[in-house]
């Protein structure tokens, strides 16, 4: 089985075109005093949301309409090392694949330069609740954020 971490470029923050920095909160800590898996998934979500707002606009993410919807199709997370509290985390996000009506965002979560986790998530562009072809301007914006592994 191929794991996300097997691609060494994914383990470097500078690989990703968009980086969001966040502060880890005490609520993110598990009983072993590490950042819990749910918190890591939430950090990845914030990275995806930030990139999606840049491409589709804030309304498409925060107040989706019948005309533009982003439907979450799948997610894979590879946990690489333990995240620590207190501290900050950085989420690097890029687009690794653009299809007819969907795209894949690849991301890495880092703490003090060390990779904590990796994520691939597929999002489907929809209108009226059904998959729709990505508009040319959106496709171009996604292509500008492509990350090469």
C-alpha atoms as a PDB file:
ATOM      1  CA  UNK A   1       0.000   0.000   0.000  1.00  0.00           C
ATOM      2  CA  UNK A   2       1.356   3.414  -0.974  1.00  0.00           C
ATOM      3  CA  UNK A   3       1.186   5.953   1.816  1.00  0.00           C
ATOM      4  CA  UNK A   4       1.109   9.723   1.344  1.00  0.00           C
ATOM      5  CA  UNK A   5       4.326  10.016   3.374  1.00  0.00           C
ATOM      6  CA  UNK A   6       6.208   7.870   0.851  1.00  0.00           C
ATOM      7  CA  UNK A   7       6.554  10.957  -1.377  1.00  0.00           C
ATOM      8  CA  UNK A   8       9.337  12.923   0.307  1.00  0.00           C
ATOM      9  CA  UNK A   9       8.332  16.245  -1.312  1.00  0.00           C
ATOM     10  CA  UNK A  10       5.063  16.083   0.621  1.00  0.00           C
ATOM     11  CA  UNK A  11       7.033  16.225   3.878  1.00  0.00           C
ATOM     12  CA  UNK A  12       8.318  19.767   3.127  1.00  0.00           C
ATOM     13  CA  UNK A  13       6.214  22.844   3.847  1.00  0.00           C
ATOM     14  CA  UNK A  14       7.746  24.805   0.963  1.00  0.00           C
ATOM     15  CA  UNK A  15       6.191  22.309  -1.483  1.00  0.00           C
ATOM     16  CA  UNK A  16       2.721  23.785  -0.910  1.00  0.00           C
ATOM     17  CA  UNK A  17       1.614  27.050  -2.580  1.00  0.00           C
ATOM     18  CA  UNK A  18      -0.746  28.197   0.223  1.00  0.00           C
ATOM     19  CA  UNK A  19       0.192  28.184   3.921  1.00  0.00           C
ATOM     20  CA  UNK A  20      -2.093  28.995   6.847  1.00  0.00           C
ATOM     21  CA  UNK A  21      -0.731  29.331  10.374  1.00  0.00           C
ATOM     22  CA  UNK A  22      -2.922  28.544  13.394  1.00  0.00           C
ATOM     23  CA  UNK A  23      -2.463  28.310  17.131  1.00  0.00           C
ATOM     24  CA  UNK A  24      -3.130  24.919  18.659  1.00  0.00           C
ATOM     25  CA  UNK A  25      -5.690  25.168  21.449  1.00  0.00           C
ATOM     26  CA  UNK A  26      -5.927  23.237  24.692  1.00  0.00           C
ATOM     27  CA  UNK A  27      -9.172  21.670  23.417  1.00  0.00           C
ATOM     28  CA  UNK A  28      -7.069  20.001  20.677  1.00  0.00           C
ATOM     29  CA  UNK A  29      -5.096  17.927  23.207  1.00  0.00           C
ATOM     30  CA  UNK A  30      -5.734  14.230  23.862  1.00  0.00           C
ATOM     31  CA  UNK A  31      -5.093  12.331  27.114  1.00  0.00           C
ATOM     32  CA  UNK A  32      -1.445  11.796  26.093  1.00  0.00           C
ATOM     33  CA  UNK A  33      -0.927  15.569  25.728  1.00  0.00           C
ATOM     34  CA  UNK A  34      -0.652  15.354  21.931  1.00  0.00           C
ATOM     35  CA  UNK A  35      -2.796  17.064  19.319  1.00  0.00           C
ATOM     36  CA  UNK A  36      -5.704  14.698  18.678  1.00  0.00           C
ATOM     37  CA  UNK A  37      -6.706  13.313  15.283  1.00  0.00           C
ATOM     38  CA  UNK A  38      -9.956  15.283  15.154  1.00  0.00           C
ATOM     39  CA  UNK A  39      -8.024  18.522  15.636  1.00  0.00           C
ATOM     40  CA  UNK A  40      -5.657  17.611  12.821  1.00  0.00           C
ATOM     41  CA  UNK A  41      -8.619  16.982  10.509  1.00  0.00           C
ATOM     42  CA  UNK A  42      -9.994  20.406  11.485  1.00  0.00           C
ATOM     43  CA  UNK A  43      -6.661  22.104  10.674  1.00  0.00           C
ATOM     44  CA  UNK A  44      -6.726  20.483   7.222  1.00  0.00           C
ATOM     45  CA  UNK A  45     -10.302  21.672   6.780  1.00  0.00           C
ATOM     46  CA  UNK A  46      -9.238  25.257   7.497  1.00  0.00           C
ATOM     47  CA  UNK A  47      -6.449  24.964   4.926  1.00  0.00           C
ATOM     48  CA  UNK A  48      -8.929  23.697   2.305  1.00  0.00           C
ATOM     49  CA  UNK A  49     -11.467  26.388   3.187  1.00  0.00           C
ATOM     50  CA  UNK A  50      -8.862  29.124   2.818  1.00  0.00           C
ATOM     51  CA  UNK A  51      -7.815  27.903  -0.615  1.00  0.00           C
ATOM     52  CA  UNK A  52     -11.455  27.396  -1.679  1.00  0.00           C
ATOM     53  CA  UNK A  53     -12.352  30.958  -0.650  1.00  0.00           C
ATOM     54  CA  UNK A  54      -9.481  32.258  -2.793  1.00  0.00           C
ATOM     55  CA  UNK A  55     -10.701  30.299  -5.822  1.00  0.00           C
ATOM     56  CA  UNK A  56     -14.505  30.296  -5.445  1.00  0.00           C
ATOM     57  CA  UNK A  57     -15.110  33.309  -3.195  1.00  0.00           C
ATOM     58  CA  UNK A  58     -16.200  33.489   0.422  1.00  0.00           C
ATOM     59  CA  UNK A  59     -19.894  32.958  -0.301  1.00  0.00           C
ATOM     60  CA  UNK A  60     -19.318  29.603  -2.023  1.00  0.00           C
ATOM     61  CA  UNK A  61     -17.678  28.314   1.165  1.00  0.00           C
ATOM     62  CA  UNK A  62     -19.549  30.125   3.937  1.00  0.00           C
ATOM     63  CA  UNK A  63     -22.983  30.683   2.324  1.00  0.00           C
ATOM     64  CA  UNK A  64     -23.307  28.210  -0.555  1.00  0.00           C
ATOM     65  CA  UNK A  65     -26.167  28.771  -2.976  1.00  0.00           C
ATOM     66  CA  UNK A  66     -27.989  26.439  -5.347  1.00  0.00           C
ATOM     67  CA  UNK A  67     -25.736  27.770  -8.105  1.00  0.00           C
ATOM     68  CA  UNK A  68     -22.329  27.015  -6.585  1.00  0.00           C
ATOM     69  CA  UNK A  69     -21.762  24.203  -4.128  1.00  0.00           C
ATOM     70  CA  UNK A  70     -18.593  22.427  -3.050  1.00  0.00           C
ATOM     71  CA  UNK A  71     -19.418  18.865  -2.024  1.00  0.00           C
ATOM     72  CA  UNK A  72     -16.882  16.980   0.038  1.00  0.00           C
ATOM     73  CA  UNK A  73     -16.402  13.535  -1.574  1.00  0.00           C
ATOM     74  CA  UNK A  74     -13.509  11.819   0.233  1.00  0.00           C
ATOM     75  CA  UNK A  75     -10.550  12.302   2.519  1.00  0.00           C
ATOM     76  CA  UNK A  76      -7.381  10.387   3.350  1.00  0.00           C
ATOM     77  CA  UNK A  77      -5.178  11.381   6.281  1.00  0.00           C
ATOM     78  CA  UNK A  78      -1.745   9.900   6.936  1.00  0.00           C
ATOM     79  CA  UNK A  79      -0.537  10.577  10.484  1.00  0.00           C
ATOM     80  CA  UNK A  80       3.239  11.027  10.393  1.00  0.00           C
ATOM     81  CA  UNK A  81       4.327  12.202  13.856  1.00  0.00           C
ATOM     82  CA  UNK A  82       2.901  13.591  17.081  1.00  0.00           C
ATOM     83  CA  UNK A  83       1.758  17.186  17.280  1.00  0.00           C
ATOM     84  CA  UNK A  84       2.489  19.058  20.498  1.00  0.00           C
ATOM     85  CA  UNK A  85       0.688  21.599  22.649  1.00  0.00           C
ATOM     86  CA  UNK A  86       1.282  24.464  23.219  1.00  0.00           C
ATOM     87  CA  UNK A  87       2.403  25.709  19.858  1.00  0.00           C
ATOM     88  CA  UNK A  88       1.457  26.755  16.386  1.00  0.00           C
ATOM     89  CA  UNK A  89       0.749  24.624  13.356  1.00  0.00           C
ATOM     90  CA  UNK A  90       1.135  25.435   9.685  1.00  0.00           C
ATOM     91  CA  UNK A  91      -1.055  23.857   7.026  1.00  0.00           C
ATOM     92  CA  UNK A  92       0.317  23.873   3.503  1.00  0.00           C
ATOM     93  CA  UNK A  93      -2.307  23.251   0.821  1.00  0.00           C
ATOM     94  CA  UNK A  94      -2.239  22.873  -2.943  1.00  0.00           C
ATOM     95  CA  UNK A  95      -4.236  21.305  -5.748  1.00  0.00           C
ATOM     96  CA  UNK A  96      -2.856  17.971  -6.908  1.00  0.00           C
ATOM     97  CA  UNK A  97      -5.485  17.021  -9.495  1.00  0.00           C
ATOM     98  CA  UNK A  98      -8.133  18.846 -11.502  1.00  0.00           C
ATOM     99  CA  UNK A  99     -10.848  16.744 -13.131  1.00  0.00           C
ATOM    100  CA  UNK A 100     -13.952  17.611 -15.136  1.00  0.00           C
ATOM    101  CA  UNK A 101     -16.147  18.351 -12.102  1.00  0.00           C
ATOM    102  CA  UNK A 102     -13.867  17.615  -9.151  1.00  0.00           C
ATOM    103  CA  UNK A 103     -10.455  18.467  -7.794  1.00  0.00           C
ATOM    104  CA  UNK A 104      -8.104  17.024  -5.200  1.00  0.00           C
ATOM    105  CA  UNK A 105      -6.419  19.175  -2.592  1.00  0.00           C
ATOM    106  CA  UNK A 106      -3.230  17.837  -1.049  1.00  0.00           C
ATOM    107  CA  UNK A 107      -2.011  19.236   2.234  1.00  0.00           C
ATOM    108  CA  UNK A 108       0.642  18.858   4.888  1.00  0.00           C
ATOM    109  CA  UNK A 109       0.426  19.830   8.548  1.00  0.00           C
ATOM    110  CA  UNK A 110       3.670  21.036  10.094  1.00  0.00           C
ATOM    111  CA  UNK A 111       4.918  22.049  13.502  1.00  0.00           C
ATOM    112  CA  UNK A 112       8.329  23.679  13.904  1.00  0.00           C
ATOM    113  CA  UNK A 113       9.281  22.489  10.417  1.00  0.00           C
ATOM    114  CA  UNK A 114       8.365  18.855  11.154  1.00  0.00           C
ATOM    115  CA  UNK A 115       5.578  17.118   9.246  1.00  0.00           C
ATOM    116  CA  UNK A 116       2.807  15.926  11.568  1.00  0.00           C
ATOM    117  CA  UNK A 117       0.257  14.654   9.020  1.00  0.00           C
ATOM    118  CA  UNK A 118      -0.636  14.610   5.323  1.00  0.00           C
ATOM    119  CA  UNK A 119      -4.036  14.789   3.678  1.00  0.00           C
ATOM    120  CA  UNK A 120      -5.698  14.318   0.291  1.00  0.00           C
ATOM    121  CA  UNK A 121      -9.302  15.458  -0.093  1.00  0.00           C
ATOM    122  CA  UNK A 122     -11.574  15.332  -3.126  1.00  0.00           C
ATOM    123  CA  UNK A 123     -14.180  18.053  -3.643  1.00  0.00           C
ATOM    124  CA  UNK A 124     -16.910  18.002  -6.285  1.00  0.00           C
ATOM    125  CA  UNK A 125     -18.106  21.236  -7.868  1.00  0.00           C
ATOM    126  CA  UNK A 126     -21.900  21.156  -8.019  1.00  0.00           C
ATOM    127  CA  UNK A 127     -24.860  23.219  -9.083  1.00  0.00           C
ATOM    128  CA  UNK A 128     -28.334  22.363  -7.834  1.00  0.00           C
ATOM    129  CA  UNK A 129     -26.909  19.456  -5.836  1.00  0.00           C
ATOM    130  CA  UNK A 130     -25.464  17.686  -8.904  1.00  0.00           C
ATOM    131  CA  UNK A 131     -21.889  17.523 -10.139  1.00  0.00           C
ATOM    132  CA  UNK A 132     -21.189  20.161 -12.770  1.00  0.00           C
ATOM    133  CA  UNK A 133     -18.260  20.924 -15.020  1.00  0.00           C
ATOM    134  CA  UNK A 134     -15.735  23.313 -13.488  1.00  0.00           C
ATOM    135  CA  UNK A 135     -16.045  26.739 -15.157  1.00  0.00           C
ATOM    136  CA  UNK A 136     -12.973  27.785 -17.201  1.00  0.00           C
ATOM    137  CA  UNK A 137     -12.040  30.625 -14.801  1.00  0.00           C
ATOM    138  CA  UNK A 138     -12.234  28.278 -11.801  1.00  0.00           C
ATOM    139  CA  UNK A 139     -10.210  25.627 -13.622  1.00  0.00           C
ATOM    140  CA  UNK A 140      -7.539  28.268 -14.380  1.00  0.00           C
ATOM    141  CA  UNK A 141      -7.479  29.411 -10.736  1.00  0.00           C
ATOM    142  CA  UNK A 142      -7.106  25.804  -9.547  1.00  0.00           C
ATOM    143  CA  UNK A 143      -4.304  25.197 -12.060  1.00  0.00           C
ATOM    144  CA  UNK A 144      -2.433  28.200 -10.609  1.00  0.00           C
ATOM    145  CA  UNK A 145      -2.375  26.393  -7.259  1.00  0.00           C
ATOM    146  CA  UNK A 146      -1.213  23.020  -8.540  1.00  0.00           C
ATOM    147  CA  UNK A 147       1.438  21.327  -6.455  1.00  0.00           C
ATOM    148  CA  UNK A 148       3.837  18.886  -8.116  1.00  0.00           C
ATOM    149  CA  UNK A 149       5.011  15.808  -6.287  1.00  0.00           C
END
